[in-house]
């Protein structure tokens, strides 16, 4: 993945930069740092934080998993599974 104006030395660097870009677009860095510092990773806290920054709770759960603040599958009920049909790709 490539982002205009970003130079990366290889595909791995480009992927990391794309991940950072996506993360900061979905969850503002300052808000994220404050939330993580509090360390209150409960269903209610995740839901309140998600509502405050106007994203789905599953986005917050995914970021917590990615950053290894929680284990994979924890708070799975806050994620929404989307199904794509073959006809929707056209």
PDB file of N, CA and C in Angstrom:
ATOM      1  N   UNK A   1       0.852  -1.174   0.000  1.00  0.00           N
ATOM      2  CA  UNK A   1       0.000   0.000   0.000  1.00  0.00           C
ATOM      3  C   UNK A   1       0.896   1.234   0.000  1.00  0.00           C
ATOM      4  N   UNK A   2       0.510   2.223  -0.790  1.00  0.00           N
ATOM      5  CA  UNK A   2       1.303   3.433  -0.870  1.00  0.00           C
ATOM      6  C   UNK A   2       0.438   4.644  -0.583  1.00  0.00           C
ATOM      7  N   UNK A   3       1.001   5.581   0.125  1.00  0.00           N
ATOM      8  CA  UNK A   3       0.307   6.816   0.456  1.00  0.00           C
ATOM      9  C   UNK A   3       1.058   7.943  -0.210  1.00  0.00           C
ATOM     10  N   UNK A   4       0.338   8.786  -0.925  1.00  0.00           N
ATOM     11  CA  UNK A   4       0.967   9.887  -1.624  1.00  0.00           C
ATOM     12  C   UNK A   4       1.780  10.746  -0.663  1.00  0.00           C
ATOM     13  N   UNK A   5       2.997  11.065  -1.050  1.00  0.00           N
ATOM     14  CA  UNK A   5       3.848  11.913  -0.232  1.00  0.00           C
ATOM     15  C   UNK A   5       4.656  11.169   0.811  1.00  0.00           C
ATOM     16  N   UNK A   6       4.504   9.858   0.887  1.00  0.00           N
ATOM     17  CA  UNK A   6       5.239   9.046   1.857  1.00  0.00           C
ATOM     18  C   UNK A   6       6.223   8.182   1.099  1.00  0.00           C
ATOM     19  N   UNK A   7       7.479   8.288   1.475  1.00  0.00           N
ATOM     20  CA  UNK A   7       8.488   7.445   0.855  1.00  0.00           C
ATOM     21  C   UNK A   7       8.902   6.371   1.842  1.00  0.00           C
ATOM     22  N   UNK A   8       8.924   5.160   1.385  1.00  0.00           N
ATOM     23  CA  UNK A   8       9.340   4.043   2.222  1.00  0.00           C
ATOM     24  C   UNK A   8      10.426   3.276   1.491  1.00  0.00           C
ATOM     25  N   UNK A   9      11.355   2.715   2.243  1.00  0.00           N
ATOM     26  CA  UNK A   9      12.475   2.016   1.631  1.00  0.00           C
ATOM     27  C   UNK A   9      12.079   0.637   1.109  1.00  0.00           C
ATOM     28  N   UNK A  10      11.001   0.066   1.635  1.00  0.00           N
ATOM     29  CA  UNK A  10      10.552  -1.241   1.150  1.00  0.00           C
ATOM     30  C   UNK A  10       9.078  -1.423   1.464  1.00  0.00           C
ATOM     31  N   UNK A  11       8.523  -2.549   1.026  1.00  0.00           N
ATOM     32  CA  UNK A  11       7.094  -2.809   1.218  1.00  0.00           C
ATOM     33  C   UNK A  11       6.726  -2.891   2.697  1.00  0.00           C
ATOM     34  N   UNK A  12       7.611  -3.456   3.511  1.00  0.00           N
ATOM     35  CA  UNK A  12       7.328  -3.572   4.945  1.00  0.00           C
ATOM     36  C   UNK A  12       7.229  -2.189   5.590  1.00  0.00           C
ATOM     37  N   UNK A  13       8.137  -1.294   5.232  1.00  0.00           N
ATOM     38  CA  UNK A  13       8.075   0.075   5.749  1.00  0.00           C
ATOM     39  C   UNK A  13       6.807   0.773   5.276  1.00  0.00           C
ATOM     40  N   UNK A  14       6.452   0.544   4.027  1.00  0.00           N
ATOM     41  CA  UNK A  14       5.243   1.156   3.468  1.00  0.00           C
ATOM     42  C   UNK A  14       4.012   0.651   4.207  1.00  0.00           C
ATOM     43  N   UNK A  15       3.979  -0.644   4.517  1.00  0.00           N
ATOM     44  CA  UNK A  15       2.839  -1.217   5.228  1.00  0.00           C
ATOM     45  C   UNK A  15       2.731  -0.641   6.638  1.00  0.00           C
ATOM     46  N   UNK A  16       3.860  -0.503   7.320  1.00  0.00           N
ATOM     47  CA  UNK A  16       3.850   0.095   8.667  1.00  0.00           C
ATOM     48  C   UNK A  16       3.367   1.546   8.621  1.00  0.00           C
ATOM     49  N   UNK A  17       3.808   2.289   7.619  1.00  0.00           N
ATOM     50  CA  UNK A  17       3.383   3.678   7.485  1.00  0.00           C
ATOM     51  C   UNK A  17       1.885   3.751   7.192  1.00  0.00           C
ATOM     52  N   UNK A  18       1.395   2.849   6.357  1.00  0.00           N
ATOM     53  CA  UNK A  18      -0.041   2.805   6.056  1.00  0.00           C
ATOM     54  C   UNK A  18      -0.838   2.466   7.312  1.00  0.00           C
ATOM     55  N   UNK A  19      -0.338   1.540   8.123  1.00  0.00           N
ATOM     56  CA  UNK A  19      -1.006   1.191   9.384  1.00  0.00           C
ATOM     57  C   UNK A  19      -1.074   2.393  10.310  1.00  0.00           C
ATOM     58  N   UNK A  20       0.035   3.113  10.439  1.00  0.00           N
ATOM     59  CA  UNK A  20       0.055   4.304  11.314  1.00  0.00           C
ATOM     60  C   UNK A  20      -0.918   5.371  10.806  1.00  0.00           C
ATOM     61  N   UNK A  21      -0.935   5.573   9.502  1.00  0.00           N
ATOM     62  CA  UNK A  21      -1.831   6.556   8.904  1.00  0.00           C
ATOM     63  C   UNK A  21      -3.289   6.198   9.187  1.00  0.00           C
ATOM     64  N   UNK A  22      -3.642   4.931   8.928  1.00  0.00           N
ATOM     65  CA  UNK A  22      -5.027   4.486   9.152  1.00  0.00           C
ATOM     66  C   UNK A  22      -5.400   4.600  10.620  1.00  0.00           C
ATOM     67  N   UNK A  23      -4.495   4.219  11.489  1.00  0.00           N
ATOM     68  CA  UNK A  23      -4.772   4.285  12.925  1.00  0.00           C
ATOM     69  C   UNK A  23      -5.035   5.717  13.363  1.00  0.00           C
ATOM     70  N   UNK A  24      -4.236   6.654  12.888  1.00  0.00           N
ATOM     71  CA  UNK A  24      -4.405   8.049  13.316  1.00  0.00           C
ATOM     72  C   UNK A  24      -5.639   8.692  12.682  1.00  0.00           C
ATOM     73  N   UNK A  25      -6.067   8.197  11.532  1.00  0.00           N
ATOM     74  CA  UNK A  25      -7.270   8.745  10.899  1.00  0.00           C
ATOM     75  C   UNK A  25      -8.527   8.273  11.631  1.00  0.00           C
ATOM     76  N   UNK A  26      -8.509   7.058  12.123  1.00  0.00           N
ATOM     77  CA  UNK A  26      -9.677   6.513  12.803  1.00  0.00           C
ATOM     78  C   UNK A  26      -9.746   6.932  14.265  1.00  0.00           C
ATOM     79  N   UNK A  27      -8.604   6.952  14.929  1.00  0.00           N
ATOM     80  CA  UNK A  27      -8.555   7.275  16.353  1.00  0.00           C
ATOM     81  C   UNK A  27      -7.458   8.321  16.558  1.00  0.00           C
ATOM     82  N   UNK A  28      -7.834   9.551  16.882  1.00  0.00           N
ATOM     83  CA  UNK A  28      -6.825  10.594  17.082  1.00  0.00           C
ATOM     84  C   UNK A  28      -5.783  10.180  18.125  1.00  0.00           C
ATOM     85  N   UNK A  29      -4.514  10.409  17.798  1.00  0.00           N
ATOM     86  CA  UNK A  29      -3.398   9.963  18.633  1.00  0.00           C
ATOM     87  C   UNK A  29      -3.503  10.448  20.074  1.00  0.00           C
ATOM     88  N   UNK A  30      -3.877  11.692  20.257  1.00  0.00           N
ATOM     89  CA  UNK A  30      -3.976  12.256  21.611  1.00  0.00           C
ATOM     90  C   UNK A  30      -5.061  11.550  22.425  1.00  0.00           C
ATOM     91  N   UNK A  31      -6.205  11.321  21.806  1.00  0.00           N
ATOM     92  CA  UNK A  31      -7.299  10.614  22.476  1.00  0.00           C
ATOM     93  C   UNK A  31      -6.890   9.180  22.811  1.00  0.00           C
ATOM     94  N   UNK A  32      -6.217   8.535  21.855  1.00  0.00           N
ATOM     95  CA  UNK A  32      -5.783   7.156  22.060  1.00  0.00           C
ATOM     96  C   UNK A  32      -4.802   7.059  23.231  1.00  0.00           C
ATOM     97  N   UNK A  33      -3.827   7.949  23.248  1.00  0.00           N
ATOM     98  CA  UNK A  33      -2.822   7.928  24.313  1.00  0.00           C
ATOM     99  C   UNK A  33      -3.473   8.096  25.681  1.00  0.00           C
ATOM    100  N   UNK A  34      -4.435   8.991  25.772  1.00  0.00           N
ATOM    101  CA  UNK A  34      -5.133   9.220  27.040  1.00  0.00           C
ATOM    102  C   UNK A  34      -5.937   7.986  27.453  1.00  0.00           C
ATOM    103  N   UNK A  35      -6.640   7.389  26.506  1.00  0.00           N
ATOM    104  CA  UNK A  35      -7.445   6.201  26.786  1.00  0.00           C
ATOM    105  C   UNK A  35      -6.566   5.045  27.255  1.00  0.00           C
ATOM    106  N   UNK A  36      -5.485   4.802  26.546  1.00  0.00           N
ATOM    107  CA  UNK A  36      -4.591   3.696  26.881  1.00  0.00           C
ATOM    108  C   UNK A  36      -3.923   3.934  28.239  1.00  0.00           C
ATOM    109  N   UNK A  37      -3.560   5.163  28.511  1.00  0.00           N
ATOM    110  CA  UNK A  37      -2.903   5.490  29.790  1.00  0.00           C
ATOM    111  C   UNK A  37      -3.817   5.159  30.971  1.00  0.00           C
ATOM    112  N   UNK A  38      -5.112   5.357  30.798  1.00  0.00           N
ATOM    113  CA  UNK A  38      -6.056   5.048  31.864  1.00  0.00           C
ATOM    114  C   UNK A  38      -6.105   3.549  32.146  1.00  0.00           C
ATOM    115  N   UNK A  39      -5.891   2.739  31.121  1.00  0.00           N
ATOM    116  CA  UNK A  39      -5.831   1.294  31.288  1.00  0.00           C
ATOM    117  C   UNK A  39      -7.143   0.626  31.677  1.00  0.00           C
ATOM    118  N   UNK A  40      -8.249   1.311  31.483  1.00  0.00           N
ATOM    119  CA  UNK A  40      -9.559   0.773  31.827  1.00  0.00           C
ATOM    120  C   UNK A  40     -10.174   0.147  30.576  1.00  0.00           C
ATOM    121  N   UNK A  41      -9.856  -1.115  30.330  1.00  0.00           N
ATOM    122  CA  UNK A  41     -10.331  -1.789  29.133  1.00  0.00           C
ATOM    123  C   UNK A  41     -11.479  -2.724  29.489  1.00  0.00           C
ATOM    124  N   UNK A  42     -12.628  -2.120  29.724  1.00  0.00           N
ATOM    125  CA  UNK A  42     -13.856  -2.856  29.974  1.00  0.00           C
ATOM    126  C   UNK A  42     -14.810  -2.579  28.822  1.00  0.00           C
ATOM    127  N   UNK A  43     -15.850  -3.387  28.722  1.00  0.00           N
ATOM    128  CA  UNK A  43     -16.844  -3.173  27.670  1.00  0.00           C
ATOM    129  C   UNK A  43     -17.416  -1.764  27.750  1.00  0.00           C
ATOM    130  N   UNK A  44     -17.766  -1.330  28.936  1.00  0.00           N
ATOM    131  CA  UNK A  44     -18.356   0.007  29.102  1.00  0.00           C
ATOM    132  C   UNK A  44     -17.363   1.108  28.727  1.00  0.00           C
ATOM    133  N   UNK A  45     -16.118   0.974  29.160  1.00  0.00           N
ATOM    134  CA  UNK A  45     -15.113   2.004  28.867  1.00  0.00           C
ATOM    135  C   UNK A  45     -14.816   2.070  27.373  1.00  0.00           C
ATOM    136  N   UNK A  46     -14.698   0.927  26.742  1.00  0.00           N
ATOM    137  CA  UNK A  46     -14.441   0.892  25.298  1.00  0.00           C
ATOM    138  C   UNK A  46     -15.609   1.520  24.544  1.00  0.00           C
ATOM    139  N   UNK A  47     -16.820   1.178  24.931  1.00  0.00           N
ATOM    140  CA  UNK A  47     -18.011   1.721  24.273  1.00  0.00           C
ATOM    141  C   UNK A  47     -18.102   3.231  24.451  1.00  0.00           C
ATOM    142  N   UNK A  48     -17.860   3.721  25.669  1.00  0.00           N
ATOM    143  CA  UNK A  48     -17.892   5.177  25.916  1.00  0.00           C
ATOM    144  C   UNK A  48     -16.838   5.890  25.074  1.00  0.00           C
ATOM    145  N   UNK A  49     -15.625   5.353  25.056  1.00  0.00           N
ATOM    146  CA  UNK A  49     -14.546   5.970  24.277  1.00  0.00           C
ATOM    147  C   UNK A  49     -14.912   5.991  22.792  1.00  0.00           C
ATOM    148  N   UNK A  50     -15.406   4.889  22.282  1.00  0.00           N
ATOM    149  CA  UNK A  50     -15.791   4.812  20.868  1.00  0.00           C
ATOM    150  C   UNK A  50     -16.866   5.847  20.534  1.00  0.00           C
ATOM    151  N   UNK A  51     -17.855   5.985  21.411  1.00  0.00           N
ATOM    152  CA  UNK A  51     -18.911   6.969  21.182  1.00  0.00           C
ATOM    153  C   UNK A  51     -18.339   8.391  21.200  1.00  0.00           C
ATOM    154  N   UNK A  52     -17.425   8.645  22.109  1.00  0.00           N
ATOM    155  CA  UNK A  52     -16.847   9.985  22.232  1.00  0.00           C
ATOM    156  C   UNK A  52     -16.076  10.393  20.975  1.00  0.00           C
ATOM    157  N   UNK A  53     -15.363   9.433  20.368  1.00  0.00           N
ATOM    158  CA  UNK A  53     -14.584   9.774  19.173  1.00  0.00           C
ATOM    159  C   UNK A  53     -15.318   9.406  17.882  1.00  0.00           C
ATOM    160  N   UNK A  54     -16.558   8.933  18.025  1.00  0.00           N
ATOM    161  CA  UNK A  54     -17.446   8.655  16.891  1.00  0.00           C
ATOM    162  C   UNK A  54     -16.928   7.557  15.957  1.00  0.00           C
ATOM    163  N   UNK A  55     -16.516   6.438  16.557  1.00  0.00           N
ATOM    164  CA  UNK A  55     -16.167   5.249  15.778  1.00  0.00           C
ATOM    165  C   UNK A  55     -16.892   4.051  16.392  1.00  0.00           C
ATOM    166  N   UNK A  56     -16.956   2.979  15.668  1.00  0.00           N
ATOM    167  CA  UNK A  56     -17.564   1.763  16.182  1.00  0.00           C
ATOM    168  C   UNK A  56     -16.673   1.159  17.273  1.00  0.00           C
ATOM    169  N   UNK A  57     -17.272   0.595  18.313  1.00  0.00           N
ATOM    170  CA  UNK A  57     -16.479  -0.037  19.369  1.00  0.00           C
ATOM    171  C   UNK A  57     -15.518  -1.111  18.846  1.00  0.00           C
ATOM    172  N   UNK A  58     -15.898  -1.801  17.779  1.00  0.00           N
ATOM    173  CA  UNK A  58     -15.024  -2.820  17.199  1.00  0.00           C
ATOM    174  C   UNK A  58     -13.713  -2.255  16.679  1.00  0.00           C
ATOM    175  N   UNK A  59     -13.734  -1.001  16.239  1.00  0.00           N
ATOM    176  CA  UNK A  59     -12.505  -0.338  15.783  1.00  0.00           C
ATOM    177  C   UNK A  59     -11.549  -0.192  16.965  1.00  0.00           C
ATOM    178  N   UNK A  60     -12.089   0.214  18.103  1.00  0.00           N
ATOM    179  CA  UNK A  60     -11.276   0.376  19.313  1.00  0.00           C
ATOM    180  C   UNK A  60     -10.731  -0.979  19.756  1.00  0.00           C
ATOM    181  N   UNK A  61     -11.578  -2.004  19.731  1.00  0.00           N
ATOM    182  CA  UNK A  61     -11.142  -3.347  20.115  1.00  0.00           C
ATOM    183  C   UNK A  61     -10.007  -3.816  19.190  1.00  0.00           C
ATOM    184  N   UNK A  62     -10.171  -3.621  17.903  1.00  0.00           N
ATOM    185  CA  UNK A  62      -9.134  -4.014  16.951  1.00  0.00           C
ATOM    186  C   UNK A  62      -7.817  -3.316  17.211  1.00  0.00           C
ATOM    187  N   UNK A  63      -7.881  -2.049  17.533  1.00  0.00           N
ATOM    188  CA  UNK A  63      -6.653  -1.297  17.829  1.00  0.00           C
ATOM    189  C   UNK A  63      -6.031  -1.784  19.129  1.00  0.00           C
ATOM    190  N   UNK A  64      -6.853  -2.050  20.140  1.00  0.00           N
ATOM    191  CA  UNK A  64      -6.333  -2.590  21.402  1.00  0.00           C
ATOM    192  C   UNK A  64      -5.633  -3.927  21.163  1.00  0.00           C
ATOM    193  N   UNK A  65      -6.226  -4.769  20.324  1.00  0.00           N
ATOM    194  CA  UNK A  65      -5.603  -6.049  19.991  1.00  0.00           C
ATOM    195  C   UNK A  65      -4.295  -5.829  19.237  1.00  0.00           C
ATOM    196  N   UNK A  66      -4.337  -4.977  18.234  1.00  0.00           N
ATOM    197  CA  UNK A  66      -3.156  -4.722  17.407  1.00  0.00           C
ATOM    198  C   UNK A  66      -1.992  -4.199  18.236  1.00  0.00           C
ATOM    199  N   UNK A  67      -2.299  -3.317  19.166  1.00  0.00           N
ATOM    200  CA  UNK A  67      -1.262  -2.723  20.020  1.00  0.00           C
ATOM    201  C   UNK A  67      -0.938  -3.602  21.231  1.00  0.00           C
ATOM    202  N   UNK A  68      -1.584  -4.764  21.303  1.00  0.00           N
ATOM    203  CA  UNK A  68      -1.339  -5.775  22.344  1.00  0.00           C
ATOM    204  C   UNK A  68      -1.678  -5.305  23.767  1.00  0.00           C
ATOM    205  N   UNK A  69      -2.724  -4.482  23.854  1.00  0.00           N
ATOM    206  CA  UNK A  69      -3.226  -4.087  25.175  1.00  0.00           C
ATOM    207  C   UNK A  69      -4.207  -5.122  25.712  1.00  0.00           C
ATOM    208  N   UNK A  70      -4.827  -5.844  24.778  1.00  0.00           N
ATOM    209  CA  UNK A  70      -5.714  -6.947  25.137  1.00  0.00           C
ATOM    210  C   UNK A  70      -5.338  -8.132  24.250  1.00  0.00           C
ATOM    211  N   UNK A  71      -5.785  -9.323  24.628  1.00  0.00           N
ATOM    212  CA  UNK A  71      -5.465 -10.493  23.813  1.00  0.00           C
ATOM    213  C   UNK A  71      -6.482 -10.631  22.667  1.00  0.00           C
ATOM    214  N   UNK A  72      -6.073 -11.283  21.608  1.00  0.00           N
ATOM    215  CA  UNK A  72      -6.939 -11.518  20.451  1.00  0.00           C
ATOM    216  C   UNK A  72      -8.222 -12.203  20.897  1.00  0.00           C
ATOM    217  N   UNK A  73      -9.339 -11.740  20.405  1.00  0.00           N
ATOM    218  CA  UNK A  73     -10.627 -12.347  20.711  1.00  0.00           C
ATOM    219  C   UNK A  73     -11.319 -11.765  21.931  1.00  0.00           C
ATOM    220  N   UNK A  74     -10.577 -11.020  22.728  1.00  0.00           N
ATOM    221  CA  UNK A  74     -11.197 -10.393  23.896  1.00  0.00           C
ATOM    222  C   UNK A  74     -12.151  -9.303  23.408  1.00  0.00           C
ATOM    223  N   UNK A  75     -13.299  -9.173  24.007  1.00  0.00           N
ATOM    224  CA  UNK A  75     -14.335  -8.198  23.625  1.00  0.00           C
ATOM    225  C   UNK A  75     -14.833  -8.415  22.195  1.00  0.00           C
ATOM    226  N   UNK A  76     -14.763  -9.660  21.750  1.00  0.00           N
ATOM    227  CA  UNK A  76     -15.188 -10.008  20.393  1.00  0.00           C
ATOM    228  C   UNK A  76     -16.632  -9.582  20.122  1.00  0.00           C
ATOM    229  N   UNK A  77     -17.443  -9.565  21.162  1.00  0.00           N
ATOM    230  CA  UNK A  77     -18.859  -9.207  20.984  1.00  0.00           C
ATOM    231  C   UNK A  77     -19.044  -7.752  20.553  1.00  0.00           C
ATOM    232  N   UNK A  78     -18.019  -6.925  20.719  1.00  0.00           N
ATOM    233  CA  UNK A  78     -18.129  -5.522  20.305  1.00  0.00           C
ATOM    234  C   UNK A  78     -17.812  -5.325  18.822  1.00  0.00           C
ATOM    235  N   UNK A  79     -17.340  -6.385  18.174  1.00  0.00           N
ATOM    236  CA  UNK A  79     -17.034  -6.301  16.748  1.00  0.00           C
ATOM    237  C   UNK A  79     -18.276  -6.677  15.944  1.00  0.00           C
ATOM    238  N   UNK A  80     -18.433  -6.053  14.799  1.00  0.00           N
ATOM    239  CA  UNK A  80     -19.529  -6.360  13.884  1.00  0.00           C
ATOM    240  C   UNK A  80     -18.924  -7.037  12.667  1.00  0.00           C
ATOM    241  N   UNK A  81     -19.416  -8.222  12.357  1.00  0.00           N
ATOM    242  CA  UNK A  81     -18.916  -8.950  11.202  1.00  0.00           C
ATOM    243  C   UNK A  81     -19.711  -8.532   9.977  1.00  0.00           C
ATOM    244  N   UNK A  82     -18.998  -8.180   8.934  1.00  0.00           N
ATOM    245  CA  UNK A  82     -19.629  -7.798   7.677  1.00  0.00           C
ATOM    246  C   UNK A  82     -19.448  -8.903   6.667  1.00  0.00           C
ATOM    247  N   UNK A  83     -20.482  -9.182   5.923  1.00  0.00           N
ATOM    248  CA  UNK A  83     -20.419 -10.199   4.872  1.00  0.00           C
ATOM    249  C   UNK A  83     -20.540  -9.503   3.529  1.00  0.00           C
ATOM    250  N   UNK A  84     -19.618  -9.808   2.648  1.00  0.00           N
ATOM    251  CA  UNK A  84     -19.625  -9.230   1.315  1.00  0.00           C
ATOM    252  C   UNK A  84     -20.095 -10.281   0.323  1.00  0.00           C
ATOM    253  N   UNK A  85     -21.013  -9.894  -0.532  1.00  0.00           N
ATOM    254  CA  UNK A  85     -21.462 -10.829  -1.561  1.00  0.00           C
ATOM    255  C   UNK A  85     -20.651 -10.592  -2.828  1.00  0.00           C
ATOM    256  N   UNK A  86     -20.613 -11.577  -3.679  1.00  0.00           N
ATOM    257  CA  UNK A  86     -19.880 -11.467  -4.929  1.00  0.00           C
ATOM    258  C   UNK A  86     -20.460 -10.354  -5.804  1.00  0.00           C
ATOM    259  N   UNK A  87     -21.756 -10.153  -5.742  1.00  0.00           N
ATOM    260  CA  UNK A  87     -22.383  -9.129  -6.576  1.00  0.00           C
ATOM    261  C   UNK A  87     -22.075  -7.709  -6.109  1.00  0.00           C
ATOM    262  N   UNK A  88     -21.724  -7.539  -4.821  1.00  0.00           N
ATOM    263  CA  UNK A  88     -21.433  -6.195  -4.327  1.00  0.00           C
ATOM    264  C   UNK A  88     -20.058  -5.724  -4.770  1.00  0.00           C
ATOM    265  N   UNK A  89     -19.207  -6.612  -5.253  1.00  0.00           N
ATOM    266  CA  UNK A  89     -17.874  -6.233  -5.688  1.00  0.00           C
ATOM    267  C   UNK A  89     -17.898  -5.610  -7.076  1.00  0.00           C
ATOM    268  N   UNK A  90     -18.953  -5.796  -7.802  1.00  0.00           N
ATOM    269  CA  UNK A  90     -19.032  -5.305  -9.184  1.00  0.00           C
ATOM    270  C   UNK A  90     -19.299  -3.835  -9.261  1.00  0.00           C
TER     271      UNK A  90
END
